[in-house]
Amino acid sequence: MNMEKISKKQNIISSDEMLAFVKKIIKYKTTDDQPEEISLCLQTIEQEFGNILHIERYQFRNRPILVLSTTESKDLDIILAGHIDVVPAKSDDFIAKESGGILCGRGTLDMKSAVVACLFAVREYLRDGGKAKIAVIVTSDEELDGLSTKWLAKEMGYKAKLAILPDGGDENELVLRQKGFWQIKVSVKGKTSHASMPWDGINPLVIGFQLYEKLLPIFPSPTNKSQWETSVVLTKVEGGKTLNQIPDSAVFYFDIRYTDESVRENIIDEITKFLGKKADVETISQNGVLLIDQENSLILKLKSVIEKELDKKVVFMNECETSDAIFFAEQGTPVILFRPRGGGMHQDGEWIDIQSLIRFQSVILNFLKEV
């Protein structure tokens, strides 16, 4: 009997089963305002894999977490981490559509498909007799703040020799650096007056926009993803009660992606220098800068596995986005990001390349075997 043909047939069956399960969980509208859908999605995952993997269920700030692992230990060889929450979409986007080797639907790229591929890889690894300590962590708050991952790593003690997050990069692009993330609220004081008599007032809206104009030349916005530079982006403005009155205060929100911890102090200095006592700055949310050593032996092993699977060179890269990866790194777990090929993240028509997803599952499985 031709064992190669049997192996190929088994791979096809496995791929078809994996794709069917991806379509199954895409249908759940796992947005933050649909907690019952999030619970149903996690229950479906548990029902599929709970008979072979150890299950731990957690809640952080009423957001459910599912950890499926090959061991009860939290001191692991490999962590595969992902999330099943998604940003809002039209109802039609929660119906997976397959055409021409492409699967479309909300969560196909970000990131239900990759979570499923990791779970199928671990299941196959165990069926082949694998003994490594591996956990697949599935959270439901990444699109909000990802703090459940931070809680798992810092408070619950989940750590590993390497964590893999399919939440950045590409199938042959490994992300080692991500910018720090800092959202601030700047409250600007003014003086109210009738809009027809601007000389009697001080318009805080004008002052706030002048501040932004001051910051832009100092921290110029990158023009493409390869520029590893700090960006300061004005994303929201609040101020005024009526159309014929200059307000006495206004609030400006900035999203800052920084490359060095010292940059934050520079931004505060520039704001204070410009506004003096007219403003105060409040941090809404922040993550640190992700910096990982590319000479890590497991990362080099993963690189080798990918190059063998894809028959193409793997490159290390920087990324402007932030992710849950920083929470593992802060607790001493090296972390790498890469994912299957796709596009349209957070947009109508989000998609993933099916063959790339199958290759991703194969890479994870073969990497686990080498570990």
Protein backbone atom coordinates (compact mmCIF):
# COMPACT_ATOMS: atom_id res chain seq x y z
CA MET A 1 0.00 0.00 0.00
CA ASN A 2 1.30 3.48 -0.94
CA MET A 3 1.82 5.25 2.42
CA GLU A 4 2.49 8.58 0.70
CA LYS A 5 -0.97 8.51 -0.91
CA ILE A 6 -2.56 7.64 2.45
CA SER A 7 -0.70 10.53 4.10
CA LYS A 8 -1.84 12.98 1.42
CA LYS A 9 -5.42 11.76 1.74
CA GLN A 10 -5.32 12.21 5.51
CA ASN A 11 -3.98 15.77 5.04
CA ILE A 12 -6.85 16.58 2.68
CA ILE A 13 -9.38 15.24 5.17
CA SER A 14 -7.75 17.22 7.96
CA SER A 15 -7.74 20.41 5.86
CA ASP A 16 -11.38 20.00 4.87
CA GLU A 17 -12.33 19.41 8.51
CA MET A 18 -10.34 22.45 9.61
CA LEU A 19 -11.95 24.69 6.97
CA ALA A 20 -15.43 23.47 7.91
CA PHE A 21 -14.75 24.34 11.55
CA VAL A 22 -13.48 27.81 10.62
CA LYS A 23 -16.73 28.44 8.77
CA LYS A 24 -18.64 27.16 11.78
CA ILE A 25 -17.18 29.68 14.22
CA ILE A 26 -17.18 32.61 11.78
CA LYS A 27 -20.99 32.64 12.13
CA TYR A 28 -20.78 33.74 15.77
CA LYS A 29 -21.06 37.52 16.08
CA THR A 30 -18.30 37.72 18.68
CA THR A 31 -18.31 41.51 19.16
CA ASP A 32 -18.01 43.08 22.59
CA ASP A 33 -21.74 43.84 22.73
CA GLN A 34 -22.65 40.18 22.09
CA PRO A 35 -21.34 38.26 25.15
CA GLU A 36 -23.69 35.34 24.51
CA GLU A 37 -22.19 34.87 21.04
CA ILE A 38 -18.68 34.92 22.50
CA SER A 39 -19.71 32.23 25.00
CA LEU A 40 -21.27 30.08 22.29
CA CYS A 41 -18.14 30.35 20.14
CA LEU A 42 -15.88 29.27 23.01
CA GLN A 43 -18.25 26.44 23.91
CA THR A 44 -18.11 25.20 20.31
CA ILE A 45 -14.30 25.19 20.46
CA GLU A 46 -14.34 23.36 23.78
CA GLN A 47 -16.78 20.74 22.49
CA GLU A 48 -14.54 20.06 19.50
CA PHE A 49 -11.19 19.85 21.31
CA GLY A 50 -12.04 19.23 24.97
CA ASN A 51 -11.87 15.45 24.56
CA ILE A 52 -8.13 15.53 23.81
CA LEU A 53 -6.86 18.74 25.42
CA HIS A 54 -6.87 19.86 29.06
CA ILE A 55 -9.32 22.74 29.54
CA GLU A 56 -9.05 25.76 31.83
CA ARG A 57 -11.77 28.41 31.86
CA TYR A 58 -11.18 31.91 33.22
CA GLN A 59 -13.01 35.21 33.48
CA PHE A 60 -11.28 38.59 33.46
CA ARG A 61 -13.53 41.64 33.83
CA ASN A 62 -16.45 39.47 32.72
CA ARG A 63 -14.60 38.51 29.54
CA PRO A 64 -14.24 34.73 29.10
CA ILE A 65 -10.92 33.02 28.37
CA LEU A 66 -10.33 29.45 27.26
CA VAL A 67 -6.97 27.71 27.64
CA LEU A 68 -6.60 24.35 25.87
CA SER A 69 -3.34 22.59 26.67
CA THR A 70 -1.44 19.33 26.64
CA THR A 71 -0.66 19.69 30.36
CA GLU A 72 -2.00 21.17 33.59
CA SER A 73 1.23 23.11 34.03
CA LYS A 74 1.45 26.84 33.33
CA ASP A 75 5.20 26.55 32.74
CA LEU A 76 5.12 25.58 29.07
CA ASP A 77 7.34 24.87 26.11
CA ILE A 78 5.16 26.71 23.57
CA ILE A 79 2.19 29.06 23.87
CA LEU A 80 -0.04 29.63 20.84
CA ALA A 81 -2.18 32.67 21.62
CA GLY A 82 -5.11 34.19 19.78
CA HIS A 83 -8.53 35.77 20.14
CA ILE A 84 -12.02 35.15 18.80
CA ASP A 85 -13.49 38.62 19.38
CA VAL A 86 -13.96 40.73 16.27
CA VAL A 87 -14.90 44.30 15.38
CA PRO A 88 -18.54 44.99 14.35
CA ALA A 89 -19.65 44.05 10.85
CA LYS A 90 -22.76 43.62 8.73
CA SER A 91 -24.72 40.41 9.31
CA ASP A 92 -23.66 39.07 5.91
CA ASP A 93 -20.01 39.23 6.96
CA PHE A 94 -20.66 36.56 9.58
CA ILE A 95 -21.47 34.07 6.83
CA ALA A 96 -18.19 32.61 5.53
CA LYS A 97 -18.00 32.67 1.74
CA GLU A 98 -15.52 30.55 -0.21
CA SER A 99 -14.52 31.41 -3.77
CA GLY A 100 -11.41 30.88 -5.87
CA GLY A 101 -9.27 29.67 -2.99
CA ILE A 102 -10.25 32.61 -0.80
CA LEU A 103 -12.40 32.55 2.35
CA CYS A 104 -14.18 35.81 3.18
CA GLY A 105 -15.92 36.85 6.38
CA ARG A 106 -15.40 38.79 9.59
CA GLY A 107 -12.65 37.13 11.61
CA THR A 108 -11.14 35.12 8.76
CA LEU A 109 -7.83 36.98 9.01
CA ASP A 110 -8.25 38.58 12.44
CA MET A 111 -8.12 35.88 13.67
CA LYS A 112 -10.48 32.93 14.07
CA SER A 113 -8.95 30.98 11.18
CA ALA A 114 -5.46 31.00 12.68
CA VAL A 115 -6.79 30.04 16.12
CA VAL A 116 -8.49 27.01 14.57
CA ALA A 117 -5.33 26.11 12.62
CA CYS A 118 -3.31 26.16 15.87
CA LEU A 119 -5.84 23.90 17.59
CA PHE A 120 -5.84 21.40 14.73
CA ALA A 121 -2.04 21.42 14.69
CA VAL A 122 -1.86 20.64 18.42
CA ARG A 123 -4.45 17.91 18.08
CA GLU A 124 -2.49 16.29 15.26
CA TYR A 125 0.70 16.67 17.29
CA LEU A 126 -0.83 14.76 20.20
CA ARG A 127 -2.21 12.05 17.90
CA ASP A 128 1.35 11.60 16.59
CA GLY A 129 2.56 11.04 20.15
CA GLY A 130 3.99 14.48 20.89
CA LYS A 131 5.06 15.13 24.49
CA ALA A 132 5.85 18.87 24.63
CA LYS A 133 3.95 21.15 27.00
CA ILE A 134 1.81 23.33 24.75
CA ALA A 135 -1.13 25.66 25.41
CA VAL A 136 -3.51 27.37 23.02
CA ILE A 137 -4.83 30.50 24.72
CA VAL A 138 -8.08 31.90 23.32
CA THR A 139 -9.17 35.32 24.61
CA SER A 140 -12.16 37.53 23.83
CA ASP A 141 -11.01 41.10 24.53
CA GLU A 142 -8.10 41.78 22.15
CA GLU A 143 -10.09 44.29 20.09
CA LEU A 144 -10.73 46.30 23.27
CA ASP A 145 -7.46 46.23 25.20
CA GLY A 146 -6.13 42.66 25.42
CA LEU A 147 -5.73 42.97 29.17
CA SER A 148 -6.89 39.41 29.81
CA THR A 149 -3.66 38.24 28.15
CA LYS A 150 -1.67 40.53 30.44
CA TRP A 151 -3.56 39.09 33.42
CA LEU A 152 -2.86 35.50 32.33
CA ALA A 153 0.85 36.17 31.92
CA LYS A 154 1.40 38.42 34.93
CA GLU A 155 -1.09 37.24 37.54
CA MET A 156 -1.82 33.63 36.55
CA GLY A 157 1.77 32.80 35.66
CA TYR A 158 1.45 31.46 32.11
CA LYS A 159 4.93 31.44 30.54
CA ALA A 160 6.82 29.55 27.86
CA LYS A 161 10.10 29.16 26.05
CA LEU A 162 8.33 30.82 23.10
CA ALA A 163 4.91 32.31 22.43
CA ILE A 164 3.53 32.49 18.89
CA LEU A 165 0.80 34.98 17.99
CA PRO A 166 -0.76 34.81 14.49
CA ASP A 167 -1.66 38.50 14.77
CA GLY A 168 0.93 40.22 12.62
CA GLY A 169 3.39 39.77 9.79
CA ASP A 170 2.72 37.37 6.94
CA GLU A 171 3.36 33.71 6.21
CA ASN A 172 7.05 34.38 5.52
CA GLU A 173 7.42 37.57 7.59
CA LEU A 174 8.24 37.21 11.28
CA VAL A 175 7.58 40.28 13.44
CA LEU A 176 10.18 40.94 16.13
CA ARG A 177 9.44 44.59 16.92
CA GLN A 178 6.19 46.46 17.43
CA LYS A 179 5.75 50.07 18.41
CA GLY A 180 4.61 51.10 21.85
CA PHE A 181 1.00 52.22 22.09
CA TRP A 182 -0.07 55.30 24.07
CA GLN A 183 -3.49 56.95 23.99
CA ILE A 184 -3.82 60.26 25.83
CA LYS A 185 -6.54 62.74 26.66
CA VAL A 186 -5.51 66.42 26.64
CA SER A 187 -7.96 68.79 28.35
CA VAL A 188 -7.58 72.40 27.20
CA LYS A 189 -8.96 75.34 29.15
CA GLY A 190 -10.45 78.40 27.48
CA LYS A 191 -12.80 81.27 28.23
CA THR A 192 -16.41 81.26 27.14
CA SER A 193 -18.01 84.07 25.18
CA HIS A 194 -20.67 84.65 22.54
CA ALA A 195 -19.48 83.39 19.17
CA SER A 196 -20.12 86.81 17.63
CA MET A 197 -17.66 88.38 20.10
CA PRO A 198 -14.57 86.14 19.90
CA TRP A 199 -12.39 88.93 21.34
CA ASP A 200 -14.13 88.37 24.69
CA GLY A 201 -13.24 84.67 24.84
CA ILE A 202 -10.38 82.21 24.47
CA ASN A 203 -11.28 79.36 22.14
CA PRO A 204 -9.85 76.05 23.49
CA LEU A 205 -10.68 74.31 20.20
CA VAL A 206 -8.34 76.63 18.32
CA ILE A 207 -5.64 76.13 20.96
CA GLY A 208 -5.94 72.34 20.70
CA PHE A 209 -5.60 72.34 16.93
CA GLN A 210 -2.62 74.68 17.20
CA LEU A 211 -1.05 72.16 19.58
CA TYR A 212 -1.49 69.41 16.99
CA GLU A 213 0.10 71.61 14.33
CA LYS A 214 3.00 72.16 16.71
CA LEU A 215 3.50 68.42 17.34
CA LEU A 216 3.36 67.29 13.70
CA PRO A 217 6.72 68.76 12.56
CA ILE A 218 8.43 67.37 15.67
CA PHE A 219 6.92 63.90 15.27
CA PRO A 220 6.19 63.65 11.51
CA SER A 221 3.80 60.89 10.54
CA PRO A 222 5.40 57.93 8.73
CA THR A 223 4.35 57.66 5.10
CA ASN A 224 4.73 53.88 4.84
CA LYS A 225 4.91 50.81 7.08
CA SER A 226 8.68 50.47 6.79
CA GLN A 227 9.39 53.75 8.62
CA TRP A 228 10.25 52.96 12.23
CA GLU A 229 9.31 56.39 13.61
CA THR A 230 6.96 57.73 16.27
CA SER A 231 3.54 58.90 15.05
CA VAL A 232 1.19 61.30 16.88
CA VAL A 233 -2.35 61.18 15.46
CA LEU A 234 -5.33 63.29 16.56
CA THR A 235 -8.29 60.87 16.62
CA LYS A 236 -11.11 62.54 18.57
CA VAL A 237 -12.22 66.03 19.68
CA GLU A 238 -14.87 67.02 22.23
CA GLY A 239 -16.00 70.56 22.96
CA GLY A 240 -18.85 73.03 22.85
CA LYS A 241 -22.52 72.89 23.79
CA THR A 242 -24.16 75.28 21.35
CA LEU A 243 -23.26 76.65 17.92
CA ASN A 244 -23.21 80.29 19.03
CA GLN A 245 -20.92 80.01 22.05
CA ILE A 246 -17.17 79.66 22.43
CA PRO A 247 -16.71 76.80 24.94
CA ASP A 248 -14.78 77.16 28.17
CA SER A 249 -12.95 73.86 27.61
CA ALA A 250 -12.23 71.17 25.01
CA VAL A 251 -10.77 67.68 25.02
CA PHE A 252 -8.36 66.30 22.42
CA TYR A 253 -7.51 62.61 22.12
CA PHE A 254 -4.26 61.43 20.57
CA ASP A 255 -3.16 57.96 19.48
CA ILE A 256 0.63 57.73 19.72
CA ARG A 257 2.77 54.87 18.40
CA TYR A 258 6.29 55.28 19.75
CA THR A 259 9.61 53.56 19.14
CA ASP A 260 11.43 54.40 22.37
CA GLU A 261 10.28 54.92 25.96
CA SER A 262 11.99 58.33 26.13
CA VAL A 263 9.71 59.62 23.35
CA ARG A 264 6.75 59.81 25.75
CA GLU A 265 8.63 62.26 27.98
CA ASN A 266 9.47 64.38 24.92
CA ILE A 267 5.79 64.55 23.92
CA ILE A 268 4.72 65.58 27.43
CA ASP A 269 7.44 68.25 27.44
CA GLU A 270 6.22 69.66 24.12
CA ILE A 271 2.58 69.74 25.28
CA THR A 272 3.50 71.45 28.55
CA LYS A 273 5.78 73.91 26.78
CA PHE A 274 2.99 74.93 24.40
CA LEU A 275 -0.03 74.94 26.72
CA GLY A 276 1.47 75.69 30.12
CA LYS A 277 -1.24 75.68 32.77
CA LYS A 278 -4.05 75.57 30.19
CA ALA A 279 -3.99 71.79 29.89
CA ASP A 280 -3.63 68.52 31.70
CA VAL A 281 -2.70 65.17 30.17
CA GLU A 282 -4.31 61.86 31.14
CA THR A 283 -3.22 58.42 29.93
CA ILE A 284 -6.15 56.38 28.63
CA SER A 285 -4.23 53.24 27.62
CA GLN A 286 -0.66 52.18 26.90
CA ASN A 287 1.59 49.24 25.98
CA GLY A 288 5.36 49.11 25.86
CA VAL A 289 7.64 48.67 22.85
CA LEU A 290 8.11 45.03 21.74
CA LEU A 291 11.76 44.13 21.05
CA ILE A 292 12.69 40.45 20.60
CA ASP A 293 16.12 38.91 19.92
CA GLN A 294 16.10 37.25 16.50
CA GLU A 295 18.92 34.92 17.57
CA ASN A 296 16.60 33.04 19.92
CA SER A 297 17.11 29.35 19.09
CA LEU A 298 13.38 28.52 18.87
CA ILE A 299 12.74 31.51 16.61
CA LEU A 300 15.54 30.35 14.32
CA LYS A 301 14.04 26.84 14.35
CA LEU A 302 10.63 28.26 13.40
CA LYS A 303 12.25 30.28 10.61
CA SER A 304 13.84 27.09 9.26
CA VAL A 305 10.53 25.18 9.35
CA ILE A 306 8.73 27.98 7.49
CA GLU A 307 11.42 28.22 4.81
CA LYS A 308 11.26 24.46 4.26
CA GLU A 309 7.43 24.48 4.08
CA LEU A 310 7.13 27.51 1.80
CA ASP A 311 10.36 27.08 -0.14
CA LYS A 312 11.01 30.79 0.22
CA LYS A 313 13.17 33.03 2.39
CA VAL A 314 11.79 34.26 5.71
CA VAL A 315 12.42 37.89 6.68
CA PHE A 316 12.34 39.53 10.10
CA MET A 317 10.40 42.78 10.25
CA ASN A 318 9.13 45.69 12.34
CA GLU A 319 5.45 46.56 12.63
CA CYS A 320 3.67 49.80 13.47
CA GLU A 321 0.77 48.02 15.19
CA THR A 322 0.66 46.74 18.73
CA SER A 323 -0.72 43.43 19.97
CA ASP A 324 -1.01 41.10 22.95
CA ALA A 325 2.58 39.99 22.25
CA ILE A 326 3.98 42.71 24.53
CA PHE A 327 2.23 41.19 27.56
CA PHE A 328 4.16 37.93 27.20
CA ALA A 329 7.44 39.75 26.54
CA GLU A 330 7.04 41.89 29.66
CA GLN A 331 6.93 38.71 31.75
CA GLY A 332 10.02 37.19 30.15
CA THR A 333 8.45 35.00 27.44
CA PRO A 334 10.04 35.53 24.00
CA VAL A 335 7.32 36.04 21.40
CA ILE A 336 7.05 36.04 17.62
CA LEU A 337 4.23 37.05 15.28
CA PHE A 338 3.31 35.66 11.86
CA ARG A 339 0.06 34.57 10.22
CA PRO A 340 -1.49 33.21 7.05
CA ARG A 341 -1.83 35.47 4.05
CA GLY A 342 -4.97 37.59 3.88
CA GLY A 343 -6.34 41.12 3.78
CA GLY A 344 -9.18 43.51 4.52
CA MET A 345 -8.72 43.36 8.29
CA HIS A 346 -11.51 45.32 10.05
CA GLN A 347 -13.08 46.03 6.66
CA ASP A 348 -15.92 44.68 4.55
CA GLY A 349 -14.58 41.75 2.56
CA GLU A 350 -12.00 40.56 5.11
CA TRP A 351 -10.36 37.46 3.64
CA ILE A 352 -7.77 34.73 4.05
CA ASP A 353 -5.98 32.58 1.49
CA ILE A 354 -7.08 28.99 2.13
CA GLN A 355 -3.86 27.35 0.96
CA SER A 356 -1.87 29.77 3.10
CA LEU A 357 -4.01 28.80 6.09
CA ILE A 358 -3.31 25.11 5.39
CA ARG A 359 0.43 25.86 5.11
CA PHE A 360 0.26 27.76 8.40
CA GLN A 361 -1.28 24.76 10.16
CA SER A 362 1.42 22.53 8.69
CA VAL A 363 4.18 24.92 9.83
CA ILE A 364 2.85 24.95 13.40
CA LEU A 365 2.56 21.15 13.46
CA ASN A 366 6.06 20.57 12.08
CA PHE A 367 7.55 23.19 14.40
CA LEU A 368 5.95 21.50 17.42
CA LYS A 369 7.43 18.17 16.28
CA GLU A 370 10.89 19.71 16.18
CA VAL A 371 10.46 21.25 19.62
